[in-house]
């Protein structure tokens, strides 16, 4: 998937317009300096990315994100949009890239900075992992729903969710494996992968069809999923 972050903004020339002062008029205060063109361009880009993300969350459908809505919500212009993005698909790729990068950074910070991942037990880590996944799905439900809908099995390798899942696996599995009880002849990492597949698969079904009995908004969901992961890993 092409990303929009590598695209350069088209520099635009602006002309200052002034009015002839009336005789004996009091001098006007000097206008505040305008920010540099590059800074204004980056601010406009950030506003459009935020607007795109908000619209995806609202609609949970990439097809319903319209360029005119992006421009209106961001407070920018059609020229600013096409100065950055070739088309709607390029824009959506940039929005999704930004969302995935943010989610990956949050996961990195969790493992590197949260004491659970350095000092806690395997059981503690499972609870922290479930909490992270549930919070992420609640906060990004619209984006995840849209991605699950649009990327069919024959296109799954191009889905940002696949790249995100690989990042999570590379981050969480070794950290958890180091804390797991030693069991001779068993593949601990495989057990963790199966437990994480249960977790991510259950949450994906909740976001897509929400069949019950558990629902993503339920207060008990974290406890229920934590208990089931601990059973799979024989930590209960």
Protein backbone atom coordinates (compact mmCIF):
# COMPACT_ATOMS: atom_id res chain seq x y z
CA UNK A 1 0.00 0.00 0.00
CA UNK A 2 1.36 3.37 -0.95
CA UNK A 3 1.69 5.80 1.84
CA UNK A 4 0.99 9.49 1.67
CA UNK A 5 3.49 10.52 4.27
CA UNK A 6 6.32 10.43 1.72
CA UNK A 7 4.62 12.79 -0.63
CA UNK A 8 5.82 16.38 -0.78
CA UNK A 9 3.45 19.27 -0.53
CA UNK A 10 3.09 21.54 -3.53
CA UNK A 11 4.41 24.94 -2.65
CA UNK A 12 1.94 27.69 -3.34
CA UNK A 13 2.66 31.33 -3.80
CA UNK A 14 0.52 33.75 -1.84
CA UNK A 15 0.19 37.42 -2.42
CA UNK A 16 -0.30 39.92 0.33
CA UNK A 17 -2.98 42.48 -0.34
CA UNK A 18 -3.15 45.81 1.38
CA UNK A 19 -5.38 48.85 1.44
CA UNK A 20 -4.29 52.43 0.93
CA UNK A 21 -4.42 54.25 4.24
CA UNK A 22 -6.75 57.20 4.60
CA UNK A 23 -5.01 60.55 5.27
CA UNK A 24 -4.08 61.21 8.90
CA UNK A 25 -5.34 57.75 9.96
CA UNK A 26 -3.72 56.26 13.02
CA UNK A 27 -1.02 53.78 12.10
CA UNK A 28 -2.16 50.18 12.13
CA UNK A 29 -0.53 47.63 14.34
CA UNK A 30 1.78 45.38 12.38
CA UNK A 31 0.16 42.12 11.34
CA UNK A 32 1.30 39.01 13.13
CA UNK A 33 3.88 37.17 11.06
CA UNK A 34 2.50 34.23 9.14
CA UNK A 35 4.08 30.89 9.93
CA UNK A 36 6.50 29.53 7.38
CA UNK A 37 4.97 27.82 4.37
CA UNK A 38 6.31 24.41 5.40
CA UNK A 39 4.86 24.73 8.90
CA UNK A 40 1.45 25.73 7.55
CA UNK A 41 1.57 22.81 5.14
CA UNK A 42 2.36 20.33 7.92
CA UNK A 43 -0.43 21.73 10.09
CA UNK A 44 -2.87 21.37 7.20
CA UNK A 45 -1.73 17.79 6.64
CA UNK A 46 -2.20 16.94 10.32
CA UNK A 47 -5.72 18.41 10.27
CA UNK A 48 -6.68 16.36 7.23
CA UNK A 49 -5.28 13.15 8.73
CA UNK A 50 -7.23 13.77 11.95
CA UNK A 51 -10.38 14.52 9.97
CA UNK A 52 -9.99 11.35 7.92
CA UNK A 53 -9.54 9.27 11.03
CA UNK A 54 -12.61 10.83 12.65
CA UNK A 55 -14.70 10.11 9.56
CA UNK A 56 -13.57 6.49 9.37
CA UNK A 57 -14.39 6.04 13.05
CA UNK A 58 -17.81 7.61 12.46
CA UNK A 59 -18.76 5.55 9.41
CA UNK A 60 -16.70 2.34 9.93
CA UNK A 61 -16.59 2.23 6.15
CA UNK A 62 -13.86 3.58 3.86
CA UNK A 63 -16.29 4.09 0.98
CA UNK A 64 -18.29 6.61 3.02
CA UNK A 65 -15.31 8.90 3.61
CA UNK A 66 -15.75 11.77 1.13
CA UNK A 67 -13.09 14.29 0.18
CA UNK A 68 -15.48 17.20 0.66
CA UNK A 69 -16.23 16.02 4.20
CA UNK A 70 -12.51 15.79 4.94
CA UNK A 71 -11.94 19.34 3.72
CA UNK A 72 -14.91 20.70 5.66
CA UNK A 73 -13.98 18.94 8.90
CA UNK A 74 -10.30 19.86 8.61
CA UNK A 75 -11.01 23.47 7.65
CA UNK A 76 -8.68 23.27 4.66
CA UNK A 77 -9.22 23.54 0.91
CA UNK A 78 -9.48 21.33 -2.14
CA UNK A 79 -6.13 22.72 -3.27
CA UNK A 80 -4.52 21.76 0.02
CA UNK A 81 -5.90 18.24 -0.31
CA UNK A 82 -4.65 17.63 -3.83
CA UNK A 83 -1.41 19.36 -3.03
CA UNK A 84 -0.74 16.45 -0.68
CA UNK A 85 -2.68 13.50 -2.06
CA UNK A 86 -3.09 12.14 -5.55
CA UNK A 87 -6.56 10.79 -4.83
CA UNK A 88 -8.84 9.48 -2.10
CA UNK A 89 -7.09 6.10 -1.96
CA UNK A 90 -3.72 7.73 -1.32
CA UNK A 91 -5.28 9.81 1.44
CA UNK A 92 -6.91 6.80 3.12
CA UNK A 93 -3.59 4.94 3.00
CA UNK A 94 -1.96 7.84 4.85
CA UNK A 95 -4.69 7.91 7.49
CA UNK A 96 -4.43 4.17 8.07
CA UNK A 97 -0.63 4.31 8.18
CA UNK A 98 -0.83 6.99 10.87
CA UNK A 99 -3.35 4.98 12.92
CA UNK A 100 -1.26 1.81 12.72
CA UNK A 101 1.95 3.67 13.62
CA UNK A 102 0.25 5.19 16.65
CA UNK A 103 -1.03 1.78 17.80
CA UNK A 104 2.41 0.23 17.36
CA UNK A 105 4.03 3.03 19.35
CA UNK A 106 1.54 2.52 22.19
CA UNK A 107 2.38 -1.20 22.26
CA UNK A 108 6.12 -0.46 22.27
CA UNK A 109 5.73 1.95 25.17
CA UNK A 110 3.66 -0.58 27.08
CA UNK A 111 6.36 -3.26 26.90
CA UNK A 112 9.29 -0.90 27.45
CA UNK A 113 7.85 1.29 30.18
CA UNK A 114 5.20 -0.70 32.07
CA UNK A 115 6.73 -2.57 35.02
CA UNK A 116 4.39 -5.52 34.40
CA UNK A 117 6.46 -6.51 31.38
CA UNK A 118 9.74 -6.52 33.27
CA UNK A 119 8.78 -7.43 36.82
CA UNK A 120 5.36 -9.09 36.58
CA UNK A 121 4.43 -12.74 36.27
CA UNK A 122 3.17 -14.42 33.11
CA UNK A 123 -0.35 -14.20 34.56
CA UNK A 124 0.08 -10.45 35.10
CA UNK A 125 1.27 -10.03 31.52
CA UNK A 126 -1.77 -11.85 30.16
CA UNK A 127 -4.06 -9.43 32.03
CA UNK A 128 -2.08 -6.44 30.71
CA UNK A 129 -2.20 -7.84 27.16
CA UNK A 130 -5.97 -8.33 27.25
CA UNK A 131 -6.44 -4.83 28.66
CA UNK A 132 -4.35 -3.34 25.85
CA UNK A 133 -6.21 -5.23 23.10
CA UNK A 134 -9.68 -4.42 24.45
CA UNK A 135 -8.86 -0.73 24.91
CA UNK A 136 -7.38 -0.56 21.42
CA UNK A 137 -10.46 -2.14 19.84
CA UNK A 138 -12.78 0.18 21.70
CA UNK A 139 -10.81 3.29 20.76
CA UNK A 140 -10.31 2.31 17.10
CA UNK A 141 -13.45 0.28 16.50
CA UNK A 142 -14.49 2.18 13.38
CA UNK A 143 -11.08 1.88 11.74
CA UNK A 144 -10.75 -1.82 12.58
CA UNK A 145 -14.28 -2.51 11.36
CA UNK A 146 -13.58 -0.73 8.08
CA UNK A 147 -10.37 -2.69 7.54
CA UNK A 148 -11.96 -6.03 8.39
CA UNK A 149 -14.71 -5.33 5.86
CA UNK A 150 -12.59 -4.13 2.96
CA UNK A 151 -9.71 -6.62 2.98
CA UNK A 152 -10.97 -10.05 1.94
CA UNK A 153 -8.94 -13.22 2.47
CA UNK A 154 -7.30 -13.02 -0.95
CA UNK A 155 -6.04 -9.52 -0.09
CA UNK A 156 -5.27 -10.07 3.58
CA UNK A 157 -1.49 -9.67 3.13
CA UNK A 158 -2.02 -6.06 2.06
CA UNK A 159 -4.14 -5.22 5.09
CA UNK A 160 -2.59 -2.88 7.67
CA UNK A 161 -4.09 -5.15 10.34
CA UNK A 162 -1.83 -8.01 9.23
CA UNK A 163 1.25 -5.81 9.58
CA UNK A 164 -0.02 -4.60 12.96
CA UNK A 165 -0.60 -8.18 14.14
CA UNK A 166 2.92 -9.17 13.15
CA UNK A 167 4.34 -6.24 15.08
CA UNK A 168 2.31 -7.20 18.15
CA UNK A 169 3.39 -10.83 17.92
CA UNK A 170 7.06 -9.94 17.61
CA UNK A 171 6.72 -7.65 20.62
CA UNK A 172 4.50 -9.57 23.03
CA UNK A 173 5.27 -13.25 22.39
CA UNK A 174 8.98 -13.23 23.36
CA UNK A 175 8.28 -11.04 26.41
CA UNK A 176 5.58 -13.39 27.65
CA UNK A 177 7.53 -16.55 26.77
CA UNK A 178 10.39 -15.50 29.04
CA UNK A 179 8.00 -15.55 32.01
CA UNK A 180 6.20 -18.78 31.20
CA UNK A 181 6.76 -21.90 33.32
CA UNK A 182 9.25 -24.29 31.73
CA UNK A 183 7.49 -27.37 30.36
CA UNK A 184 9.76 -29.98 28.81
CA UNK A 185 8.95 -30.88 25.23
CA UNK A 186 6.36 -28.15 24.75
CA UNK A 187 6.41 -25.23 22.34
CA UNK A 188 5.65 -22.30 24.64
CA UNK A 189 5.64 -19.72 21.86
CA UNK A 190 3.12 -21.75 19.87
CA UNK A 191 0.84 -21.87 22.92
CA UNK A 192 1.07 -18.07 23.21
CA UNK A 193 0.31 -17.63 19.50
CA UNK A 194 -2.81 -19.78 19.86
CA UNK A 195 -3.93 -17.80 22.92
CA UNK A 196 -3.39 -14.51 21.08
CA UNK A 197 -5.28 -15.85 18.06
CA UNK A 198 -8.22 -16.60 20.32
CA UNK A 199 -8.03 -13.07 21.73
CA UNK A 200 -7.76 -11.20 18.44
CA UNK A 201 -10.25 -13.48 16.67
CA UNK A 202 -12.85 -13.05 19.40
CA UNK A 203 -12.49 -9.28 19.36
CA UNK A 204 -12.69 -9.20 15.54
CA UNK A 205 -15.98 -11.11 15.57
CA UNK A 206 -17.32 -8.76 18.24
CA UNK A 207 -16.49 -5.74 16.08
CA UNK A 208 -17.95 -7.21 12.89
CA UNK A 209 -21.11 -9.06 13.94
CA UNK A 210 -21.29 -8.75 17.75
CA UNK A 211 -23.11 -12.10 18.19
CA UNK A 212 -22.83 -12.30 21.98
CA UNK A 213 -22.98 -13.42 24.68
CA UNK A 214 -20.01 -11.15 25.36
CA UNK A 215 -19.90 -7.69 23.77
CA UNK A 216 -17.05 -5.26 23.34
CA UNK A 217 -18.64 -2.67 25.63
CA UNK A 218 -19.28 -5.13 28.46
CA UNK A 219 -17.53 -4.44 31.75
CA UNK A 220 -16.81 -8.14 32.20
CA UNK A 221 -15.08 -8.67 28.87
CA UNK A 222 -11.53 -8.12 30.13
CA UNK A 223 -11.92 -10.54 33.01
CA UNK A 224 -13.56 -13.17 30.80
CA UNK A 225 -10.91 -13.00 28.08
CA UNK A 226 -8.08 -12.94 30.62
CA UNK A 227 -9.40 -16.08 32.29
CA UNK A 228 -9.65 -17.89 28.96
CA UNK A 229 -6.15 -16.92 27.88
CA UNK A 230 -4.79 -18.14 31.22
CA UNK A 231 -6.58 -21.46 30.73
CA UNK A 232 -5.08 -21.92 27.27
CA UNK A 233 -1.63 -21.19 28.71
CA UNK A 234 -2.38 -23.24 31.83
CA UNK A 235 -1.73 -20.29 34.12
CA UNK A 236 -5.12 -20.41 35.87
